[in-house]
């Protein structure tokens, strides 16, 4: 994002590095750890609107205003950035969003309030629901387990006896089962 990540002091410092320090927007961006397009936007906003252009704005815009911004942009063949600077909108991505809404849903899309994203539930808030089993169900599970264990042991016994017969050639003693 263009505004949310960086505070006023960083934006002002970037502008001063470019306008007074002689750095390019790319160099200023590298120096401060932000992108050149962000620095370019801040410099342009400062040149157009002064210090007020660098202040954070959390505006909600009317559908009529959004539509007039889009019309102005298309009639004057302006880029998203130029339009954002002209109207003092925090970043071109906002106008791009309006443009997509208008293309997909028409003027009605600009009237609708965007739905807020619901915050993802943190893992600490999720409750693990432990299913309680009745004593009868527990006994049935234990019985199933014991039957499987018994069948396994019988099969193992048969394999051992078969191996003994193969190796010695003698008949095994009958089991007591």
C-alpha atoms as a PDB file:
ATOM      1  CA  UNK A   1       0.000   0.000   0.000  1.00  0.00           C
ATOM      2  CA  UNK A   2       1.074   3.536  -0.526  1.00  0.00           C
ATOM      3  CA  UNK A   3       0.157   5.227   2.743  1.00  0.00           C
ATOM      4  CA  UNK A   4      -0.675   2.784   5.483  1.00  0.00           C
ATOM      5  CA  UNK A   5       2.771   1.282   5.898  1.00  0.00           C
ATOM      6  CA  UNK A   6       4.789   4.475   6.271  1.00  0.00           C
ATOM      7  CA  UNK A   7       4.221   7.306   8.717  1.00  0.00           C
ATOM      8  CA  UNK A   8       4.291  11.008   7.953  1.00  0.00           C
ATOM      9  CA  UNK A   9       7.952  11.454   9.004  1.00  0.00           C
ATOM     10  CA  UNK A  10       9.194   8.776   6.609  1.00  0.00           C
ATOM     11  CA  UNK A  11       7.167  10.209   3.731  1.00  0.00           C
ATOM     12  CA  UNK A  12       8.505  13.709   4.447  1.00  0.00           C
ATOM     13  CA  UNK A  13      12.058  12.390   4.721  1.00  0.00           C
ATOM     14  CA  UNK A  14      11.701  10.659   1.348  1.00  0.00           C
ATOM     15  CA  UNK A  15      10.465  13.876  -0.255  1.00  0.00           C
ATOM     16  CA  UNK A  16      13.358  15.863   1.245  1.00  0.00           C
ATOM     17  CA  UNK A  17      15.913  13.288   0.079  1.00  0.00           C
ATOM     18  CA  UNK A  18      14.643  13.668  -3.474  1.00  0.00           C
ATOM     19  CA  UNK A  19      13.969  17.399  -3.618  1.00  0.00           C
ATOM     20  CA  UNK A  20      16.734  18.710  -1.347  1.00  0.00           C
ATOM     21  CA  UNK A  21      19.210  15.841  -1.114  1.00  0.00           C
ATOM     22  CA  UNK A  22      19.496  15.255  -4.835  1.00  0.00           C
ATOM     23  CA  UNK A  23      18.716  11.539  -4.655  1.00  0.00           C
ATOM     24  CA  UNK A  24      16.615   9.829  -7.279  1.00  0.00           C
ATOM     25  CA  UNK A  25      13.279   8.367  -6.231  1.00  0.00           C
ATOM     26  CA  UNK A  26      14.823   4.914  -6.554  1.00  0.00           C
ATOM     27  CA  UNK A  27      17.791   5.797  -4.338  1.00  0.00           C
ATOM     28  CA  UNK A  28      15.543   7.422  -1.742  1.00  0.00           C
ATOM     29  CA  UNK A  29      13.301   4.353  -1.763  1.00  0.00           C
ATOM     30  CA  UNK A  30      16.268   2.026  -1.249  1.00  0.00           C
ATOM     31  CA  UNK A  31      17.614   4.258   1.518  1.00  0.00           C
ATOM     32  CA  UNK A  32      14.294   4.179   3.402  1.00  0.00           C
ATOM     33  CA  UNK A  33      13.245   0.643   2.499  1.00  0.00           C
ATOM     34  CA  UNK A  34      10.248   1.470   0.342  1.00  0.00           C
ATOM     35  CA  UNK A  35       9.439   1.273  -3.354  1.00  0.00           C
ATOM     36  CA  UNK A  36      10.310   3.909  -5.926  1.00  0.00           C
ATOM     37  CA  UNK A  37       6.665   4.211  -7.000  1.00  0.00           C
ATOM     38  CA  UNK A  38       5.712   5.118  -3.442  1.00  0.00           C
ATOM     39  CA  UNK A  39       8.434   7.756  -3.226  1.00  0.00           C
ATOM     40  CA  UNK A  40       7.407   9.109  -6.627  1.00  0.00           C
ATOM     41  CA  UNK A  41       3.791   9.402  -5.445  1.00  0.00           C
ATOM     42  CA  UNK A  42       4.844  11.208  -2.256  1.00  0.00           C
ATOM     43  CA  UNK A  43       7.046  13.662  -4.147  1.00  0.00           C
ATOM     44  CA  UNK A  44       4.285  14.379  -6.644  1.00  0.00           C
ATOM     45  CA  UNK A  45       1.681  14.804  -3.894  1.00  0.00           C
ATOM     46  CA  UNK A  46       4.026  17.163  -2.055  1.00  0.00           C
ATOM     47  CA  UNK A  47       4.668  19.224  -5.182  1.00  0.00           C
ATOM     48  CA  UNK A  48       0.952  19.461  -5.892  1.00  0.00           C
ATOM     49  CA  UNK A  49      -0.556  19.812  -2.388  1.00  0.00           C
ATOM     50  CA  UNK A  50       2.344  20.683  -0.075  1.00  0.00           C
ATOM     51  CA  UNK A  51       2.650  19.101   3.379  1.00  0.00           C
ATOM     52  CA  UNK A  52      -1.071  18.328   3.405  1.00  0.00           C
ATOM     53  CA  UNK A  53      -0.495  15.933   0.506  1.00  0.00           C
ATOM     54  CA  UNK A  54       1.606  13.696   2.747  1.00  0.00           C
ATOM     55  CA  UNK A  55      -0.919  13.391   5.574  1.00  0.00           C
ATOM     56  CA  UNK A  56      -2.888  10.181   5.984  1.00  0.00           C
ATOM     57  CA  UNK A  57      -6.436  10.336   4.716  1.00  0.00           C
ATOM     58  CA  UNK A  58      -9.025   7.724   5.430  1.00  0.00           C
ATOM     59  CA  UNK A  59     -11.826   9.119   3.365  1.00  0.00           C
ATOM     60  CA  UNK A  60     -15.011   7.580   2.231  1.00  0.00           C
ATOM     61  CA  UNK A  61     -15.993   8.949  -1.113  1.00  0.00           C
ATOM     62  CA  UNK A  62     -19.454   9.320  -2.582  1.00  0.00           C
ATOM     63  CA  UNK A  63     -20.419   7.421  -5.701  1.00  0.00           C
ATOM     64  CA  UNK A  64     -20.729  10.727  -7.572  1.00  0.00           C
ATOM     65  CA  UNK A  65     -17.187  11.717  -6.614  1.00  0.00           C
ATOM     66  CA  UNK A  66     -15.819   8.324  -7.685  1.00  0.00           C
ATOM     67  CA  UNK A  67     -17.615   8.597 -11.012  1.00  0.00           C
ATOM     68  CA  UNK A  68     -16.337  12.140 -11.601  1.00  0.00           C
ATOM     69  CA  UNK A  69     -12.772  10.991 -10.838  1.00  0.00           C
ATOM     70  CA  UNK A  70     -13.051   8.174 -13.378  1.00  0.00           C
ATOM     71  CA  UNK A  71     -14.573  10.462 -16.024  1.00  0.00           C
ATOM     72  CA  UNK A  72     -11.871  13.089 -15.458  1.00  0.00           C
ATOM     73  CA  UNK A  73      -9.173  10.432 -15.777  1.00  0.00           C
ATOM     74  CA  UNK A  74     -10.536   9.081 -19.063  1.00  0.00           C
ATOM     75  CA  UNK A  75     -11.416  12.453 -20.611  1.00  0.00           C
ATOM     76  CA  UNK A  76      -7.965  13.881 -19.889  1.00  0.00           C
ATOM     77  CA  UNK A  77      -6.095  10.630 -20.627  1.00  0.00           C
ATOM     78  CA  UNK A  78      -4.454  10.637 -17.202  1.00  0.00           C
ATOM     79  CA  UNK A  79      -2.717   7.721 -15.546  1.00  0.00           C
ATOM     80  CA  UNK A  80      -3.955   6.328 -12.264  1.00  0.00           C
ATOM     81  CA  UNK A  81      -1.076   8.049 -10.480  1.00  0.00           C
ATOM     82  CA  UNK A  82      -1.730  11.423 -12.108  1.00  0.00           C
ATOM     83  CA  UNK A  83      -5.410  11.163 -11.224  1.00  0.00           C
ATOM     84  CA  UNK A  84      -4.636  10.229  -7.616  1.00  0.00           C
ATOM     85  CA  UNK A  85      -2.322  13.227  -7.293  1.00  0.00           C
ATOM     86  CA  UNK A  86      -4.815  15.579  -8.953  1.00  0.00           C
ATOM     87  CA  UNK A  87      -7.612  14.639  -6.547  1.00  0.00           C
ATOM     88  CA  UNK A  88      -5.400  14.055  -3.489  1.00  0.00           C
ATOM     89  CA  UNK A  89      -6.351  10.398  -3.222  1.00  0.00           C
ATOM     90  CA  UNK A  90      -3.846   8.356  -1.174  1.00  0.00           C
ATOM     91  CA  UNK A  91      -2.860   6.032  -3.990  1.00  0.00           C
ATOM     92  CA  UNK A  92      -3.651   4.904  -7.508  1.00  0.00           C
ATOM     93  CA  UNK A  93      -4.768   1.484  -6.301  1.00  0.00           C
ATOM     94  CA  UNK A  94      -7.927   3.104  -4.881  1.00  0.00           C
ATOM     95  CA  UNK A  95      -8.870   4.499  -8.282  1.00  0.00           C
ATOM     96  CA  UNK A  96      -8.026   1.181  -9.938  1.00  0.00           C
ATOM     97  CA  UNK A  97     -10.481  -0.499  -7.570  1.00  0.00           C
ATOM     98  CA  UNK A  98     -13.187   2.002  -8.490  1.00  0.00           C
ATOM     99  CA  UNK A  99     -12.450   1.450 -12.163  1.00  0.00           C
ATOM    100  CA  UNK A 100     -12.844  -2.321 -11.838  1.00  0.00           C
ATOM    101  CA  UNK A 101     -16.085  -1.904  -9.915  1.00  0.00           C
ATOM    102  CA  UNK A 102     -17.415   0.456 -12.574  1.00  0.00           C
ATOM    103  CA  UNK A 103     -16.419  -1.884 -15.422  1.00  0.00           C
ATOM    104  CA  UNK A 104     -17.989  -4.921 -13.759  1.00  0.00           C
ATOM    105  CA  UNK A 105     -21.081  -3.447 -12.086  1.00  0.00           C
ATOM    106  CA  UNK A 106     -21.579   0.013 -13.540  1.00  0.00           C
ATOM    107  CA  UNK A 107     -22.399   3.087 -11.457  1.00  0.00           C
ATOM    108  CA  UNK A 108     -24.305   0.911  -8.987  1.00  0.00           C
ATOM    109  CA  UNK A 109     -21.048  -0.832  -8.064  1.00  0.00           C
ATOM    110  CA  UNK A 110     -19.608   2.503  -6.961  1.00  0.00           C
ATOM    111  CA  UNK A 111     -22.569   3.096  -4.642  1.00  0.00           C
ATOM    112  CA  UNK A 112     -22.237  -0.118  -2.703  1.00  0.00           C
ATOM    113  CA  UNK A 113     -20.167  -0.093   0.417  1.00  0.00           C
ATOM    114  CA  UNK A 114     -17.409  -2.683   0.261  1.00  0.00           C
ATOM    115  CA  UNK A 115     -17.882  -5.519   2.668  1.00  0.00           C
ATOM    116  CA  UNK A 116     -15.332  -5.538   5.432  1.00  0.00           C
ATOM    117  CA  UNK A 117     -13.175  -8.600   5.688  1.00  0.00           C
ATOM    118  CA  UNK A 118     -13.786 -10.590   8.782  1.00  0.00           C
ATOM    119  CA  UNK A 119     -10.654 -11.152  10.795  1.00  0.00           C
ATOM    120  CA  UNK A 120      -9.442 -14.698  10.773  1.00  0.00           C
ATOM    121  CA  UNK A 121     -10.001 -16.467  14.029  1.00  0.00           C
ATOM    122  CA  UNK A 122      -6.850 -16.926  15.997  1.00  0.00           C
ATOM    123  CA  UNK A 123      -5.906 -20.436  16.973  1.00  0.00           C
ATOM    124  CA  UNK A 124      -6.230 -19.621  20.645  1.00  0.00           C
ATOM    125  CA  UNK A 125      -9.918 -18.814  20.270  1.00  0.00           C
ATOM    126  CA  UNK A 126     -10.864 -22.000  18.493  1.00  0.00           C
ATOM    127  CA  UNK A 127     -12.274 -24.525  20.890  1.00  0.00           C
ATOM    128  CA  UNK A 128     -11.437 -28.142  20.532  1.00  0.00           C
ATOM    129  CA  UNK A 129     -14.619 -30.067  21.015  1.00  0.00           C
ATOM    130  CA  UNK A 130     -13.876 -33.407  22.557  1.00  0.00           C
ATOM    131  CA  UNK A 131     -16.535 -35.937  21.805  1.00  0.00           C
ATOM    132  CA  UNK A 132     -17.543 -37.826  24.904  1.00  0.00           C
ATOM    133  CA  UNK A 133     -18.100 -41.501  24.411  1.00  0.00           C
ATOM    134  CA  UNK A 134     -20.413 -43.525  26.560  1.00  0.00           C
ATOM    135  CA  UNK A 135     -19.103 -46.479  28.594  1.00  0.00           C
ATOM    136  CA  UNK A 136     -20.973 -48.835  26.252  1.00  0.00           C
ATOM    137  CA  UNK A 137     -19.180 -47.375  23.184  1.00  0.00           C
ATOM    138  CA  UNK A 138     -15.838 -47.640  24.969  1.00  0.00           C
ATOM    139  CA  UNK A 139     -16.476 -51.312  25.726  1.00  0.00           C
ATOM    140  CA  UNK A 140     -17.400 -51.981  22.092  1.00  0.00           C
ATOM    141  CA  UNK A 141     -14.171 -50.351  20.907  1.00  0.00           C
ATOM    142  CA  UNK A 142     -12.127 -52.361  23.404  1.00  0.00           C
ATOM    143  CA  UNK A 143     -13.855 -55.572  22.296  1.00  0.00           C
ATOM    144  CA  UNK A 144     -13.099 -54.793  18.648  1.00  0.00           C
ATOM    145  CA  UNK A 145      -9.456 -54.125  19.515  1.00  0.00           C
ATOM    146  CA  UNK A 146      -9.118 -57.361  21.523  1.00  0.00           C
ATOM    147  CA  UNK A 147     -10.696 -59.426  18.723  1.00  0.00           C
ATOM    148  CA  UNK A 148      -8.236 -57.952  16.218  1.00  0.00           C
ATOM    149  CA  UNK A 149      -5.344 -58.640  18.598  1.00  0.00           C
ATOM    150  CA  UNK A 150      -6.528 -62.233  19.108  1.00  0.00           C
ATOM    151  CA  UNK A 151      -6.806 -62.829  15.346  1.00  0.00           C
ATOM    152  CA  UNK A 152      -3.316 -61.421  14.851  1.00  0.00           C
ATOM    153  CA  UNK A 153      -1.826 -63.690  17.528  1.00  0.00           C
ATOM    154  CA  UNK A 154      -3.555 -66.775  16.066  1.00  0.00           C
ATOM    155  CA  UNK A 155      -2.187 -65.971  12.614  1.00  0.00           C
ATOM    156  CA  UNK A 156       1.289 -65.462  14.062  1.00  0.00           C
ATOM    157  CA  UNK A 157       1.068 -68.813  15.894  1.00  0.00           C
ATOM    158  CA  UNK A 158       0.058 -70.563  12.664  1.00  0.00           C
ATOM    159  CA  UNK A 159       2.951 -69.011  10.729  1.00  0.00           C
ATOM    160  CA  UNK A 160       5.464 -70.020  13.403  1.00  0.00           C
ATOM    161  CA  UNK A 161       4.186 -73.613  13.426  1.00  0.00           C
ATOM    162  CA  UNK A 162       4.303 -73.742   9.620  1.00  0.00           C
ATOM    163  CA  UNK A 163       7.918 -72.581   9.640  1.00  0.00           C
ATOM    164  CA  UNK A 164       8.876 -75.195  12.224  1.00  0.00           C
ATOM    165  CA  UNK A 165       7.295 -77.931  10.093  1.00  0.00           C
ATOM    166  CA  UNK A 166       9.163 -76.769   7.001  1.00  0.00           C
ATOM    167  CA  UNK A 167      12.501 -76.667   8.769  1.00  0.00           C
ATOM    168  CA  UNK A 168      12.251 -79.922  10.732  1.00  0.00           C
ATOM    169  CA  UNK A 169       9.863 -82.005   8.707  1.00  0.00           C
ATOM    170  CA  UNK A 170       7.882 -82.952  11.812  1.00  0.00           C
ATOM    171  CA  UNK A 171       4.179 -82.563  12.415  1.00  0.00           C
ATOM    172  CA  UNK A 172       3.294 -79.837  14.930  1.00  0.00           C
ATOM    173  CA  UNK A 173       1.494 -80.678  18.129  1.00  0.00           C
ATOM    174  CA  UNK A 174      -2.208 -79.891  17.955  1.00  0.00           C
ATOM    175  CA  UNK A 175      -3.140 -76.618  19.594  1.00  0.00           C
ATOM    176  CA  UNK A 176      -5.605 -76.471  22.439  1.00  0.00           C
ATOM    177  CA  UNK A 177      -8.017 -74.068  20.676  1.00  0.00           C
END
